[in-house]
Amino acid sequence: MSEEDYRKFSEAEIKKELAELKGWKIINGKLSRSFKFADFNEAFGFMTRVALEVEKMNHHPEWFNVYNQVKIDLVTHDVGGLSNFDFKLANIINKVAGKD
């Protein structure tokens, strides 16, 4: 982890990173994406695989699960906005979901 990871991104940096990130958008200042799976088991399995990656980064998402749907919001609370951590984690989540 470097200081770059903890620095709040500017609007220009967010736009640049967002343009290269499939399926995510900014909602209420957070990087946000929803995923839909075949059933609860598949959704929970996805969350478990993401949780293993999250622990490695020590950067935890805000997420919400109902049956086969998982909504994820990413923000770096320590900097009061979006940082490199959020975009790194979003890319990892896309790979876990098979949607990169």
N, C-alpha and C. Protein backbone atom coordinates (compact mmCIF):
# COMPACT_ATOMS: atom_id res chain seq x y z
N MET A 1 0.84 -1.18 0.00
CA MET A 1 0.00 0.00 0.00
C MET A 1 0.88 1.25 0.00
N SER A 2 0.55 2.13 -0.86
CA SER A 2 1.32 3.36 -0.95
C SER A 2 0.42 4.55 -0.64
N GLU A 3 1.05 5.71 -0.54
CA GLU A 3 0.25 6.93 -0.32
C GLU A 3 -0.71 7.16 -1.48
N GLU A 4 -0.34 6.71 -2.68
CA GLU A 4 -1.20 6.86 -3.85
C GLU A 4 -2.55 6.17 -3.61
N ASP A 5 -2.52 5.04 -2.92
CA ASP A 5 -3.76 4.31 -2.65
C ASP A 5 -4.70 5.08 -1.74
N TYR A 6 -4.16 5.91 -0.89
CA TYR A 6 -4.98 6.63 0.10
C TYR A 6 -5.33 8.04 -0.32
N ARG A 7 -4.90 8.46 -1.49
CA ARG A 7 -5.17 9.80 -1.95
C ARG A 7 -6.54 9.84 -2.64
N LYS A 8 -7.33 10.84 -2.29
CA LYS A 8 -8.64 11.02 -2.92
C LYS A 8 -8.43 11.43 -4.38
N PHE A 9 -9.11 10.72 -5.27
CA PHE A 9 -9.00 11.02 -6.69
C PHE A 9 -9.77 12.29 -7.04
N SER A 10 -9.26 13.01 -8.03
CA SER A 10 -9.95 14.18 -8.56
C SER A 10 -11.08 13.71 -9.49
N GLU A 11 -11.96 14.61 -9.85
CA GLU A 11 -13.05 14.28 -10.78
C GLU A 11 -12.49 13.78 -12.11
N ALA A 12 -11.42 14.40 -12.59
CA ALA A 12 -10.81 13.98 -13.86
C ALA A 12 -10.24 12.56 -13.75
N GLU A 13 -9.61 12.25 -12.64
CA GLU A 13 -9.07 10.90 -12.43
C GLU A 13 -10.19 9.87 -12.35
N ILE A 14 -11.27 10.23 -11.69
CA ILE A 14 -12.41 9.32 -11.58
C ILE A 14 -13.00 9.05 -12.96
N LYS A 15 -13.20 10.09 -13.77
CA LYS A 15 -13.74 9.92 -15.13
C LYS A 15 -12.85 9.01 -15.97
N LYS A 16 -11.54 9.21 -15.87
CA LYS A 16 -10.58 8.41 -16.64
C LYS A 16 -10.66 6.94 -16.22
N GLU A 17 -10.64 6.68 -14.94
CA GLU A 17 -10.68 5.30 -14.43
C GLU A 17 -12.03 4.65 -14.75
N LEU A 18 -13.11 5.40 -14.61
CA LEU A 18 -14.45 4.88 -14.85
C LEU A 18 -14.63 4.48 -16.32
N ALA A 19 -14.03 5.23 -17.22
CA ALA A 19 -14.13 4.93 -18.65
C ALA A 19 -13.50 3.58 -18.99
N GLU A 20 -12.57 3.13 -18.19
CA GLU A 20 -11.87 1.86 -18.43
C GLU A 20 -12.44 0.71 -17.61
N LEU A 21 -13.48 0.96 -16.85
CA LEU A 21 -14.03 -0.02 -15.91
C LEU A 21 -15.43 -0.45 -16.36
N LYS A 22 -15.57 -1.70 -16.73
CA LYS A 22 -16.83 -2.21 -17.28
C LYS A 22 -17.89 -2.40 -16.20
N GLY A 23 -19.07 -1.80 -16.44
CA GLY A 23 -20.25 -2.08 -15.64
C GLY A 23 -20.45 -1.25 -14.38
N TRP A 24 -19.50 -0.42 -14.03
CA TRP A 24 -19.59 0.37 -12.79
C TRP A 24 -20.00 1.79 -13.11
N LYS A 25 -20.67 2.44 -12.14
CA LYS A 25 -21.03 3.85 -12.28
C LYS A 25 -20.88 4.53 -10.92
N ILE A 26 -20.95 5.84 -10.94
CA ILE A 26 -20.87 6.61 -9.70
C ILE A 26 -22.29 6.93 -9.24
N ILE A 27 -22.61 6.53 -8.01
CA ILE A 27 -23.90 6.84 -7.41
C ILE A 27 -23.63 7.37 -6.00
N ASN A 28 -24.08 8.59 -5.75
CA ASN A 28 -23.88 9.22 -4.44
C ASN A 28 -22.41 9.23 -4.02
N GLY A 29 -21.53 9.49 -4.96
CA GLY A 29 -20.11 9.60 -4.66
C GLY A 29 -19.40 8.28 -4.44
N LYS A 30 -20.08 7.17 -4.74
CA LYS A 30 -19.49 5.85 -4.56
C LYS A 30 -19.46 5.11 -5.89
N LEU A 31 -18.47 4.25 -6.06
CA LEU A 31 -18.39 3.38 -7.22
C LEU A 31 -19.39 2.26 -6.98
N SER A 32 -20.32 2.05 -7.90
CA SER A 32 -21.44 1.15 -7.64
C SER A 32 -21.70 0.21 -8.80
N ARG A 33 -22.06 -1.03 -8.44
CA ARG A 33 -22.45 -2.01 -9.46
C ARG A 33 -23.35 -3.05 -8.81
N SER A 34 -24.32 -3.52 -9.58
CA SER A 34 -25.19 -4.61 -9.14
C SER A 34 -24.94 -5.83 -10.00
N PHE A 35 -25.03 -6.99 -9.37
CA PHE A 35 -24.83 -8.26 -10.05
C PHE A 35 -26.07 -9.12 -9.80
N LYS A 36 -26.45 -9.91 -10.82
CA LYS A 36 -27.58 -10.83 -10.68
C LYS A 36 -27.08 -12.23 -11.04
N PHE A 37 -27.44 -13.20 -10.20
CA PHE A 37 -26.99 -14.57 -10.38
C PHE A 37 -28.19 -15.50 -10.53
N ALA A 38 -27.92 -16.76 -10.80
CA ALA A 38 -29.00 -17.74 -11.02
C ALA A 38 -29.82 -17.97 -9.76
N ASP A 39 -29.16 -17.95 -8.60
CA ASP A 39 -29.85 -18.23 -7.35
C ASP A 39 -29.01 -17.71 -6.18
N PHE A 40 -29.51 -17.93 -4.96
CA PHE A 40 -28.82 -17.46 -3.77
C PHE A 40 -27.46 -18.11 -3.61
N ASN A 41 -27.37 -19.40 -3.87
CA ASN A 41 -26.11 -20.12 -3.72
C ASN A 41 -25.02 -19.51 -4.60
N GLU A 42 -25.35 -19.19 -5.83
CA GLU A 42 -24.38 -18.59 -6.73
C GLU A 42 -23.99 -17.19 -6.25
N ALA A 43 -24.95 -16.41 -5.79
CA ALA A 43 -24.68 -15.06 -5.28
C ALA A 43 -23.79 -15.13 -4.05
N PHE A 44 -24.09 -16.04 -3.14
CA PHE A 44 -23.31 -16.17 -1.92
C PHE A 44 -21.90 -16.68 -2.21
N GLY A 45 -21.77 -17.58 -3.17
CA GLY A 45 -20.45 -18.05 -3.58
C GLY A 45 -19.60 -16.92 -4.13
N PHE A 46 -20.22 -16.06 -4.93
CA PHE A 46 -19.53 -14.87 -5.45
C PHE A 46 -19.07 -13.98 -4.31
N MET A 47 -19.95 -13.73 -3.36
CA MET A 47 -19.59 -12.88 -2.22
C MET A 47 -18.44 -13.48 -1.42
N THR A 48 -18.43 -14.80 -1.28
CA THR A 48 -17.36 -15.47 -0.55
C THR A 48 -16.03 -15.31 -1.28
N ARG A 49 -16.04 -15.49 -2.59
CA ARG A 49 -14.80 -15.33 -3.38
C ARG A 49 -14.30 -13.88 -3.31
N VAL A 50 -15.23 -12.93 -3.39
CA VAL A 50 -14.85 -11.52 -3.27
C VAL A 50 -14.29 -11.24 -1.87
N ALA A 51 -14.91 -11.81 -0.84
CA ALA A 51 -14.46 -11.58 0.53
C ALA A 51 -13.01 -12.01 0.72
N LEU A 52 -12.60 -13.10 0.10
CA LEU A 52 -11.21 -13.55 0.20
C LEU A 52 -10.25 -12.51 -0.40
N GLU A 53 -10.63 -11.91 -1.52
CA GLU A 53 -9.80 -10.87 -2.15
C GLU A 53 -9.80 -9.59 -1.33
N VAL A 54 -10.96 -9.26 -0.79
CA VAL A 54 -11.11 -8.05 0.02
C VAL A 54 -10.18 -8.09 1.24
N GLU A 55 -10.12 -9.24 1.88
CA GLU A 55 -9.26 -9.39 3.06
C GLU A 55 -7.79 -9.19 2.71
N LYS A 56 -7.38 -9.66 1.54
CA LYS A 56 -6.00 -9.47 1.10
C LYS A 56 -5.67 -8.00 0.96
N MET A 57 -6.64 -7.22 0.49
CA MET A 57 -6.44 -5.78 0.28
C MET A 57 -6.70 -4.97 1.55
N ASN A 58 -7.44 -5.55 2.47
CA ASN A 58 -7.91 -4.82 3.65
C ASN A 58 -8.69 -3.57 3.23
N HIS A 59 -9.53 -3.76 2.25
CA HIS A 59 -10.39 -2.68 1.73
C HIS A 59 -11.77 -3.28 1.54
N HIS A 60 -12.71 -2.94 2.39
CA HIS A 60 -13.98 -3.64 2.47
C HIS A 60 -15.12 -2.88 1.80
N PRO A 61 -15.90 -3.59 0.99
CA PRO A 61 -17.02 -2.93 0.29
C PRO A 61 -18.23 -2.75 1.20
N GLU A 62 -19.10 -1.88 0.76
CA GLU A 62 -20.45 -1.82 1.31
C GLU A 62 -21.26 -2.68 0.34
N TRP A 63 -21.90 -3.71 0.85
CA TRP A 63 -22.68 -4.53 -0.07
C TRP A 63 -23.97 -5.00 0.55
N PHE A 64 -24.88 -5.37 -0.34
CA PHE A 64 -26.22 -5.73 0.06
C PHE A 64 -26.65 -6.91 -0.80
N ASN A 65 -27.18 -7.94 -0.17
CA ASN A 65 -27.58 -9.15 -0.89
C ASN A 65 -29.03 -9.50 -0.57
N VAL A 66 -29.80 -9.72 -1.62
CA VAL A 66 -31.13 -10.28 -1.50
C VAL A 66 -31.23 -11.38 -2.55
N TYR A 67 -31.46 -12.59 -2.07
CA TYR A 67 -31.59 -13.79 -2.89
C TYR A 67 -30.48 -13.88 -3.94
N ASN A 68 -30.76 -13.58 -5.20
CA ASN A 68 -29.77 -13.77 -6.26
C ASN A 68 -29.11 -12.46 -6.71
N GLN A 69 -29.30 -11.40 -5.95
CA GLN A 69 -28.74 -10.11 -6.33
C GLN A 69 -27.75 -9.60 -5.28
N VAL A 70 -26.67 -9.00 -5.77
CA VAL A 70 -25.66 -8.41 -4.90
C VAL A 70 -25.38 -7.00 -5.42
N LYS A 71 -25.56 -6.02 -4.56
CA LYS A 71 -25.24 -4.62 -4.89
C LYS A 71 -23.99 -4.25 -4.10
N ILE A 72 -23.01 -3.68 -4.81
CA ILE A 72 -21.74 -3.32 -4.18
C ILE A 72 -21.47 -1.84 -4.38
N ASP A 73 -21.10 -1.17 -3.30
CA ASP A 73 -20.64 0.22 -3.34
C ASP A 73 -19.23 0.25 -2.79
N LEU A 74 -18.36 0.99 -3.48
CA LEU A 74 -16.98 1.14 -3.04
C LEU A 74 -16.66 2.60 -2.81
N VAL A 75 -16.00 2.88 -1.71
CA VAL A 75 -15.54 4.22 -1.38
C VAL A 75 -14.44 4.07 -0.33
N THR A 76 -13.47 4.96 -0.35
CA THR A 76 -12.41 4.94 0.65
C THR A 76 -12.77 5.95 1.71
N HIS A 77 -13.36 5.47 2.79
CA HIS A 77 -13.84 6.35 3.85
C HIS A 77 -12.72 7.20 4.44
N ASP A 78 -11.51 6.64 4.53
CA ASP A 78 -10.38 7.37 5.12
C ASP A 78 -10.04 8.66 4.39
N VAL A 79 -10.34 8.71 3.07
CA VAL A 79 -10.03 9.93 2.31
C VAL A 79 -11.30 10.71 1.94
N GLY A 80 -12.45 10.18 2.30
CA GLY A 80 -13.71 10.87 2.02
C GLY A 80 -14.09 10.89 0.56
N GLY A 81 -13.77 9.82 -0.16
CA GLY A 81 -14.11 9.75 -1.57
C GLY A 81 -13.51 8.51 -2.21
N LEU A 82 -13.33 8.58 -3.51
CA LEU A 82 -12.79 7.46 -4.26
C LEU A 82 -11.27 7.53 -4.37
N SER A 83 -10.65 6.38 -4.26
CA SER A 83 -9.19 6.29 -4.36
C SER A 83 -8.82 5.14 -5.31
N ASN A 84 -7.53 4.97 -5.49
CA ASN A 84 -7.03 3.89 -6.31
C ASN A 84 -7.52 2.53 -5.80
N PHE A 85 -7.65 2.37 -4.48
CA PHE A 85 -8.14 1.12 -3.90
C PHE A 85 -9.50 0.72 -4.47
N ASP A 86 -10.39 1.69 -4.62
CA ASP A 86 -11.73 1.40 -5.11
C ASP A 86 -11.72 0.86 -6.53
N PHE A 87 -10.91 1.45 -7.38
CA PHE A 87 -10.84 0.99 -8.77
C PHE A 87 -10.10 -0.34 -8.88
N LYS A 88 -9.09 -0.55 -8.06
CA LYS A 88 -8.40 -1.85 -8.03
C LYS A 88 -9.38 -2.94 -7.61
N LEU A 89 -10.14 -2.69 -6.55
CA LEU A 89 -11.08 -3.68 -6.06
C LEU A 89 -12.20 -3.92 -7.07
N ALA A 90 -12.68 -2.89 -7.72
CA ALA A 90 -13.73 -3.06 -8.74
C ALA A 90 -13.25 -3.97 -9.87
N ASN A 91 -12.00 -3.81 -10.28
CA ASN A 91 -11.45 -4.68 -11.32
C ASN A 91 -11.36 -6.13 -10.84
N ILE A 92 -10.96 -6.32 -9.61
CA ILE A 92 -10.90 -7.67 -9.04
C ILE A 92 -12.29 -8.29 -8.98
N ILE A 93 -13.27 -7.51 -8.54
CA ILE A 93 -14.65 -8.00 -8.46
C ILE A 93 -15.16 -8.40 -9.84
N ASN A 94 -14.87 -7.60 -10.85
CA ASN A 94 -15.27 -7.95 -12.22
C ASN A 94 -14.66 -9.29 -12.64
N LYS A 95 -13.41 -9.50 -12.30
CA LYS A 95 -12.74 -10.77 -12.65
C LYS A 95 -13.40 -11.94 -11.91
N VAL A 96 -13.67 -11.77 -10.63
CA VAL A 96 -14.33 -12.82 -9.85
C VAL A 96 -15.69 -13.16 -10.46
N ALA A 97 -16.40 -12.14 -10.91
CA ALA A 97 -17.74 -12.34 -11.49
C ALA A 97 -17.66 -12.83 -12.93
N GLY A 98 -16.46 -12.81 -13.52
CA GLY A 98 -16.33 -13.18 -14.92
C GLY A 98 -16.86 -12.13 -15.86
N LYS A 99 -16.79 -10.85 -15.41
CA LYS A 99 -17.34 -9.74 -16.19
C LYS A 99 -16.31 -8.63 -16.37
N ASP A 100 -15.07 -8.99 -16.67
CA ASP A 100 -14.03 -7.95 -16.83
C ASP A 100 -13.83 -7.54 -18.26
